[in-house]
C-alpha atoms as a PDB file:
ATOM      1  CA  MET A   1     -91.207-145.293  23.791  1.00  0.00           C
ATOM      2  CA  SER A   2     -93.720-142.613  22.900  1.00  0.00           C
ATOM      3  CA  LEU A   3     -95.443-142.412  19.561  1.00  0.00           C
ATOM      4  CA  THR A   4     -94.987-139.199  17.646  1.00  0.00           C
ATOM      5  CA  THR A   5     -97.630-137.736  15.380  1.00  0.00           C
ATOM      6  CA  LYS A   6     -95.498-138.935  12.479  1.00  0.00           C
ATOM      7  CA  ASP A   7     -95.360-142.492  13.896  1.00  0.00           C
ATOM      8  CA  MET A   8     -99.132-142.518  14.218  1.00  0.00           C
ATOM      9  CA  ALA A   9     -99.548-141.358  10.618  1.00  0.00           C
ATOM     10  CA  VAL A  10     -97.072-143.971   9.368  1.00  0.00           C
ATOM     11  CA  VAL A  11     -98.874-146.776  11.239  1.00  0.00           C
ATOM     12  CA  LYS A  12    -102.280-145.636   9.977  1.00  0.00           C
ATOM     13  CA  GLY A  13    -100.911-145.428   6.426  1.00  0.00           C
ATOM     14  CA  LEU A  14     -99.419-148.906   6.644  1.00  0.00           C
ATOM     15  CA  TRP A  15    -102.617-150.290   8.138  1.00  0.00           C
ATOM     16  CA  ALA A  16    -104.640-148.907   5.240  1.00  0.00           C
ATOM     17  CA  LYS A  17    -102.416-150.941   2.894  1.00  0.00           C
ATOM     18  CA  ILE A  18    -102.386-154.157   4.886  1.00  0.00           C
ATOM     19  CA  ALA A  19    -106.011-154.101   6.114  1.00  0.00           C
ATOM     20  CA  PRO A  20    -107.270-156.585   3.499  1.00  0.00           C
ATOM     21  CA  ARG A  21    -104.767-159.167   4.780  1.00  0.00           C
ATOM     22  CA  VAL A  22    -104.809-158.646   8.548  1.00  0.00           C
ATOM     23  CA  ASP A  23    -106.532-161.985   9.187  1.00  0.00           C
ATOM     24  CA  GLU A  24    -103.748-163.729   7.281  1.00  0.00           C
ATOM     25  CA  ILE A  25    -101.115-161.732   9.180  1.00  0.00           C
ATOM     26  CA  GLY A  26    -102.708-162.656  12.499  1.00  0.00           C
ATOM     27  CA  ALA A  27    -102.921-166.364  11.721  1.00  0.00           C
ATOM     28  CA  GLU A  28     -99.337-166.501  10.459  1.00  0.00           C
ATOM     29  CA  ALA A  29     -97.974-164.453  13.383  1.00  0.00           C
ATOM     30  CA  LEU A  30     -99.777-166.576  15.970  1.00  0.00           C
ATOM     31  CA  GLY A  31     -98.783-169.813  14.233  1.00  0.00           C
ATOM     32  CA  ARG A  32     -95.146-168.712  14.177  1.00  0.00           C
ATOM     33  CA  MET A  33     -95.255-167.691  17.830  1.00  0.00           C
ATOM     34  CA  LEU A  34     -96.560-171.116  18.856  1.00  0.00           C
ATOM     35  CA  ILE A  35     -93.751-172.870  16.950  1.00  0.00           C
ATOM     36  CA  VAL A  36     -90.823-170.546  17.655  1.00  0.00           C
ATOM     37  CA  TYR A  37     -91.808-169.880  21.280  1.00  0.00           C
ATOM     38  CA  PRO A  38     -93.373-173.204  22.369  1.00  0.00           C
ATOM     39  CA  GLN A  39     -93.860-171.964  25.939  1.00  0.00           C
ATOM     40  CA  THR A  40     -96.741-169.841  24.603  1.00  0.00           C
ATOM     41  CA  LYS A  41     -98.736-173.006  23.824  1.00  0.00           C
ATOM     42  CA  THR A  42     -99.618-173.210  27.526  1.00  0.00           C
ATOM     43  CA  TYR A  43    -102.444-170.723  27.065  1.00  0.00           C
ATOM     44  CA  PHE A  44    -104.007-172.674  24.224  1.00  0.00           C
ATOM     45  CA  SER A  45    -103.856-176.219  25.597  1.00  0.00           C
ATOM     46  CA  HIS A  46    -107.648-176.492  25.236  1.00  0.00           C
ATOM     47  CA  TRP A  47    -107.313-176.328  21.431  1.00  0.00           C
ATOM     48  CA  ALA A  48    -107.329-179.648  19.605  1.00  0.00           C
ATOM     49  CA  ASP A  49    -104.874-178.407  16.956  1.00  0.00           C
ATOM     50  CA  LEU A  50    -102.144-175.846  17.628  1.00  0.00           C
ATOM     51  CA  SER A  51    -100.459-176.195  14.253  1.00  0.00           C
ATOM     52  CA  PRO A  52    -100.003-173.182  11.977  1.00  0.00           C
ATOM     53  CA  GLY A  53    -102.972-172.799   9.674  1.00  0.00           C
ATOM     54  CA  SER A  54    -105.350-174.779  11.899  1.00  0.00           C
ATOM     55  CA  ALA A  55    -108.872-173.476  12.422  1.00  0.00           C
ATOM     56  CA  PRO A  56    -108.289-172.347  16.034  1.00  0.00           C
ATOM     57  CA  VAL A  57    -105.052-170.544  15.108  1.00  0.00           C
ATOM     58  CA  LYS A  58    -106.747-168.786  12.197  1.00  0.00           C
ATOM     59  CA  LYS A  59    -109.734-167.826  14.337  1.00  0.00           C
ATOM     60  CA  HIS A  60    -107.650-166.420  17.187  1.00  0.00           C
ATOM     61  CA  GLY A  61    -105.277-164.706  14.749  1.00  0.00           C
ATOM     62  CA  LYS A  62    -108.316-162.931  13.324  1.00  0.00           C
ATOM     63  CA  THR A  63    -109.456-161.966  16.827  1.00  0.00           C
ATOM     64  CA  ILE A  64    -106.011-160.603  17.691  1.00  0.00           C
ATOM     65  CA  MET A  65    -105.749-158.554  14.538  1.00  0.00           C
ATOM     66  CA  GLY A  66    -109.270-157.228  15.029  1.00  0.00           C
ATOM     67  CA  ALA A  67    -108.117-155.854  18.377  1.00  0.00           C
ATOM     68  CA  VAL A  68    -104.923-154.446  16.822  1.00  0.00           C
ATOM     69  CA  THR A  69    -106.958-152.830  14.049  1.00  0.00           C
ATOM     70  CA  ASP A  70    -109.190-151.264  16.709  1.00  0.00           C
ATOM     71  CA  ALA A  71    -106.078-150.018  18.509  1.00  0.00           C
ATOM     72  CA  VAL A  72    -104.819-148.431  15.282  1.00  0.00           C
ATOM     73  CA  ALA A  73    -108.135-146.588  14.991  1.00  0.00           C
ATOM     74  CA  LYS A  74    -107.737-145.363  18.594  1.00  0.00           C
ATOM     75  CA  ILE A  75    -103.975-144.842  18.408  1.00  0.00           C
ATOM     76  CA  GLU A  76    -104.133-141.428  20.094  1.00  0.00           C
ATOM     77  CA  ASP A  77    -105.257-143.032  23.379  1.00  0.00           C
ATOM     78  CA  LEU A  78    -104.019-146.623  23.516  1.00  0.00           C
ATOM     79  CA  PRO A  79    -104.333-147.025  27.303  1.00  0.00           C
ATOM     80  CA  ALA A  80    -108.062-146.296  27.183  1.00  0.00           C
ATOM     81  CA  ALA A  81    -108.546-148.322  24.010  1.00  0.00           C
ATOM     82  CA  LEU A  82    -106.886-151.394  25.518  1.00  0.00           C
ATOM     83  CA  SER A  83    -108.060-151.131  29.122  1.00  0.00           C
ATOM     84  CA  GLN A  84    -110.661-153.911  28.911  1.00  0.00           C
ATOM     85  CA  LEU A  85    -108.324-156.259  27.029  1.00  0.00           C
ATOM     86  CA  SER A  86    -105.630-155.618  29.620  1.00  0.00           C
ATOM     87  CA  GLU A  87    -108.026-156.514  32.401  1.00  0.00           C
ATOM     88  CA  LEU A  88    -109.190-159.672  30.587  1.00  0.00           C
ATOM     89  CA  HIS A  89    -105.657-160.920  29.961  1.00  0.00           C
ATOM     90  CA  ALA A  90    -104.423-160.079  33.464  1.00  0.00           C
ATOM     91  CA  TYR A  91    -107.283-161.266  35.650  1.00  0.00           C
ATOM     92  CA  LYS A  92    -109.223-163.868  33.700  1.00  0.00           C
ATOM     93  CA  LEU A  93    -106.797-165.373  31.185  1.00  0.00           C
ATOM     94  CA  ARG A  94    -103.655-164.789  33.297  1.00  0.00           C
ATOM     95  CA  VAL A  95    -101.392-164.487  30.278  1.00  0.00           C
ATOM     96  CA  ASP A  96     -97.728-163.783  30.950  1.00  0.00           C
ATOM     97  CA  PRO A  97     -97.318-160.198  29.706  1.00  0.00           C
ATOM     98  CA  SER A  98     -93.986-161.018  28.065  1.00  0.00           C
ATOM     99  CA  ASN A  99     -96.002-162.886  25.447  1.00  0.00           C
ATOM    100  CA  PHE A 100     -97.444-159.623  24.146  1.00  0.00           C
ATOM    101  CA  LYS A 101     -93.958-158.554  23.064  1.00  0.00           C
ATOM    102  CA  ILE A 102     -93.330-161.946  21.495  1.00  0.00           C
ATOM    103  CA  LEU A 103     -96.517-161.686  19.469  1.00  0.00           C
ATOM    104  CA  ALA A 104     -95.683-158.087  18.498  1.00  0.00           C
ATOM    105  CA  HIS A 105     -92.355-159.293  17.139  1.00  0.00           C
ATOM    106  CA  ASN A 106     -94.084-161.972  15.075  1.00  0.00           C
ATOM    107  CA  ILE A 107     -96.575-159.463  13.677  1.00  0.00           C
ATOM    108  CA  ILE A 108     -93.622-157.356  12.517  1.00  0.00           C
ATOM    109  CA  VAL A 109     -91.922-160.365  10.923  1.00  0.00           C
ATOM    110  CA  VAL A 110     -95.042-161.397   9.019  1.00  0.00           C
ATOM    111  CA  THR A 111     -95.838-157.853   7.924  1.00  0.00           C
ATOM    112  CA  ALA A 112     -92.300-157.501   6.563  1.00  0.00           C
ATOM    113  CA  MET A 113     -92.627-160.842   4.741  1.00  0.00           C
ATOM    114  CA  LEU A 114     -95.937-160.018   3.113  1.00  0.00           C
ATOM    115  CA  PHE A 115     -95.291-156.344   2.369  1.00  0.00           C
ATOM    116  CA  PRO A 116     -91.553-156.039   1.658  1.00  0.00           C
ATOM    117  CA  ALA A 117     -91.876-152.990  -0.601  1.00  0.00           C
ATOM    118  CA  ASP A 118     -93.861-151.110   2.047  1.00  0.00           C
ATOM    119  CA  PHE A 119     -91.717-152.206   4.985  1.00  0.00           C
ATOM    120  CA  THR A 120     -89.148-149.424   4.924  1.00  0.00           C
ATOM    121  CA  PRO A 121     -86.934-148.660   7.935  1.00  0.00           C
ATOM    122  CA  GLU A 122     -89.255-145.747   8.773  1.00  0.00           C
ATOM    123  CA  VAL A 123     -92.290-148.033   8.718  1.00  0.00           C
ATOM    124  CA  HIS A 124     -90.407-150.649  10.735  1.00  0.00           C
ATOM    125  CA  VAL A 125     -89.538-148.265  13.558  1.00  0.00           C
ATOM    126  CA  SER A 126     -93.042-146.762  13.707  1.00  0.00           C
ATOM    127  CA  LEU A 127     -94.761-150.149  13.672  1.00  0.00           C
ATOM    128  CA  ASP A 128     -92.364-151.473  16.304  1.00  0.00           C
ATOM    129  CA  LYS A 129     -92.999-148.458  18.548  1.00  0.00           C
ATOM    130  CA  PHE A 130     -96.756-148.853  18.110  1.00  0.00           C
ATOM    131  CA  LEU A 131     -96.750-152.581  18.874  1.00  0.00           C
ATOM    132  CA  GLN A 132     -94.455-152.115  21.878  1.00  0.00           C
ATOM    133  CA  ASN A 133     -96.813-149.440  23.199  1.00  0.00           C
ATOM    134  CA  LEU A 134     -99.712-151.805  22.583  1.00  0.00           C
ATOM    135  CA  ALA A 135     -97.903-154.549  24.531  1.00  0.00           C
ATOM    136  CA  TRP A 136     -97.142-152.116  27.351  1.00  0.00           C
ATOM    137  CA  CYS A 137    -100.804-151.064  27.539  1.00  0.00           C
ATOM    138  CA  LEU A 138    -101.955-154.689  27.611  1.00  0.00           C
ATOM    139  CA  ALA A 139     -99.602-155.304  30.522  1.00  0.00           C
ATOM    140  CA  GLU A 140    -100.921-152.284  32.448  1.00  0.00           C
ATOM    141  CA  ARG A 141    -103.233-154.275  34.753  1.00  0.00           C
ATOM    142  CA  TYR A 142    -100.292-156.444  35.830  1.00  0.00           C
ATOM    143  CA  ARG A 143     -98.641-153.485  37.547  1.00  0.00           C
END
């Protein structure tokens, strides 16, 4: 699913609106993923508290959304922008790449919840395409 110039502009426009709340989006999306998809807890078993809103979930949600925000800034070349993260997740962390799509879905859900007026069908499709491309790029080192 390739991103068009219009998709990139839509994602950048949305990100400008949601930027002040990306840490909240990340924490909520990660917390939801851990509850709705309990198999994803495997990668965080070293955390004392995996519940939504816990300090580790908030901290990692912030980390995730920092990386997504960086990817938005480098949207024209996602493979290069995400190369190091792909390597980290594939070789060191050994995260199942299907989890990237699960997290992408949860980011979409939370964004729609928090920004319903801005989450038009056009925004939905562009954000989905962007996050699916991001997930694909993160899974690159697994191939």
